[in-house]
Amino acid sequence: VQLQASGGGLVQAGGSLRVSCKASGRIYSSNAINWFRQVPGKEREFVAGIRWGYGTTIYAESVKGRFTISRDRAEDTVYLQMNSLRPEDTAVYYCGVGEIATLRQGSWGQGTQVTVSS
């Protein structure tokens, strides 16, 4: 599976942004599509994940209530809607396919920059 992330950009604090992860190739129902983020000098951290088959979701505590992950199985695309953005959400956002909520991903997208200004 190849993943293509898109939709990043610059937004003011309190604003919203949606990033997308388009998959090409077969995604098994047992797989999850996850979003992670990384800032320079820090480890990549889990943000949100969705199980491809059942659609169940899981979020990092830092984004609960602000971010929503969803999937469109017809389009093989996963979205991350980010609301009430904060400067600390600034990072490169990556999508991955594999186990939910872990760094054990079989494939990664190329990353998309999200910058939140204060």
Protein backbone atom coordinates (compact mmCIF):
# COMPACT_ATOMS: atom_id res chain seq x y z
CA VAL A 1 0.00 0.00 0.00
CA GLN A 2 1.25 3.46 -0.87
CA LEU A 3 0.01 6.48 1.02
CA GLN A 4 -0.18 10.08 -0.10
CA ALA A 5 -0.72 12.74 2.54
CA SER A 6 -1.98 16.20 1.68
CA GLY A 7 -3.81 19.21 3.04
CA GLY A 8 -1.35 20.77 5.44
CA GLY A 9 -0.81 24.48 5.67
CA LEU A 10 -0.62 27.55 7.85
CA VAL A 11 -3.48 28.45 10.17
CA GLN A 12 -3.97 30.75 13.13
CA ALA A 13 -4.48 29.39 16.61
CA GLY A 14 -8.09 28.41 17.12
CA GLY A 15 -8.54 27.64 13.46
CA SER A 16 -9.22 24.42 11.60
CA LEU A 17 -7.50 22.34 9.00
CA ARG A 18 -8.17 18.99 7.38
CA VAL A 19 -5.44 16.67 6.18
CA SER A 20 -6.03 13.69 3.92
CA CYS A 21 -4.32 10.36 3.39
CA LYS A 22 -5.05 8.66 0.09
CA ALA A 23 -4.15 5.00 -0.18
CA SER A 24 -3.39 3.07 -3.32
CA GLY A 25 -3.44 -0.67 -3.06
CA ARG A 26 -5.44 -3.05 -0.93
CA ILE A 27 -6.06 -2.20 2.71
CA TYR A 28 -7.07 -5.20 4.79
CA SER A 29 -9.94 -4.88 7.24
CA SER A 30 -7.59 -5.79 10.05
CA ASN A 31 -5.35 -2.83 9.24
CA ALA A 32 -5.58 0.62 10.70
CA ILE A 33 -4.71 3.94 9.16
CA ASN A 34 -3.00 6.17 11.67
CA TRP A 35 -1.89 9.76 11.85
CA PHE A 36 1.33 10.67 13.57
CA ARG A 37 3.23 13.91 13.93
CA GLN A 38 6.81 14.87 14.42
CA VAL A 39 8.73 18.02 15.23
CA PRO A 40 12.48 18.36 14.76
CA GLY A 41 14.46 16.74 17.54
CA LYS A 42 11.52 14.78 18.91
CA GLU A 43 10.19 11.31 18.31
CA ARG A 44 7.26 10.73 16.05
CA GLU A 45 4.10 10.58 18.14
CA PHE A 46 0.75 8.99 17.59
CA VAL A 47 -2.18 11.34 16.99
CA ALA A 48 -5.20 9.30 15.88
CA GLY A 49 -6.04 5.99 14.29
CA ILE A 50 -8.99 4.28 12.67
CA ARG A 51 -9.52 0.60 12.02
CA TRP A 52 -10.24 0.12 8.34
CA GLY A 53 -12.83 -2.62 8.79
CA TYR A 54 -14.95 -1.54 11.77
CA GLY A 55 -14.11 2.12 11.73
CA THR A 56 -13.32 2.25 15.43
CA THR A 57 -11.12 5.14 16.40
CA ILE A 58 -8.55 6.00 19.00
CA TYR A 59 -6.97 9.36 19.85
CA ALA A 60 -4.02 10.68 21.74
CA GLU A 61 -5.07 12.51 24.90
CA SER A 62 -3.61 15.75 23.59
CA VAL A 63 -6.04 15.90 20.66
CA LYS A 64 -9.20 14.31 22.10
CA GLY A 65 -12.22 16.51 21.56
CA ARG A 66 -10.42 18.63 18.96
CA PHE A 67 -9.42 16.22 16.21
CA THR A 68 -11.62 13.75 14.36
CA ILE A 69 -10.40 10.91 12.18
CA SER A 70 -12.68 9.39 9.57
CA ARG A 71 -12.45 7.19 6.53
CA ASP A 72 -14.06 6.97 3.12
CA ARG A 73 -13.73 3.38 2.04
CA ALA A 74 -15.01 4.10 -1.45
CA GLU A 75 -12.19 6.62 -1.95
CA ASP A 76 -9.57 4.72 0.10
CA THR A 77 -8.96 7.93 1.97
CA VAL A 78 -8.63 8.80 5.63
CA TYR A 79 -9.18 12.32 6.89
CA LEU A 80 -8.02 14.08 10.01
CA GLN A 81 -10.18 17.08 10.83
CA MET A 82 -8.30 19.33 13.22
CA ASN A 83 -10.23 22.00 15.10
CA SER A 84 -9.25 24.44 17.83
CA LEU A 85 -5.66 24.21 16.68
CA ARG A 86 -2.89 25.29 19.01
CA PRO A 87 0.70 26.33 18.30
CA GLU A 88 1.87 23.09 19.91
CA ASP A 89 0.06 21.18 17.15
CA THR A 90 2.66 22.48 14.71
CA ALA A 91 4.45 19.49 13.19
CA VAL A 92 4.87 17.39 10.09
CA TYR A 93 1.93 15.04 9.99
CA TYR A 94 2.41 11.53 8.63
CA CYS A 95 -0.07 8.81 7.88
CA GLY A 96 0.76 5.16 8.19
CA VAL A 97 -0.96 1.82 7.67
CA GLY A 98 -0.47 -0.99 10.13
CA GLU A 99 -1.24 -1.62 13.79
CA ILE A 100 -3.41 0.95 15.44
CA ALA A 101 -1.76 3.46 17.75
CA THR A 102 1.77 2.11 17.41
CA LEU A 103 4.78 3.01 15.32
CA ARG A 104 4.65 -0.44 13.72
CA GLN A 105 3.45 0.68 10.34
CA GLY A 106 3.94 -1.18 7.10
CA SER A 107 3.91 1.95 4.96
CA TRP A 108 4.19 5.66 5.53
CA GLY A 109 3.01 8.66 3.61
CA GLN A 110 5.47 11.44 2.83
CA GLY A 111 4.27 13.88 5.48
CA THR A 112 2.51 17.21 5.29
CA GLN A 113 3.45 20.32 7.26
CA VAL A 114 0.92 21.86 9.62
CA THR A 115 1.87 25.20 11.13
CA VAL A 116 -0.26 26.95 13.73
CA SER A 117 0.61 30.55 14.43
CA SER A 118 -0.12 32.22 17.75
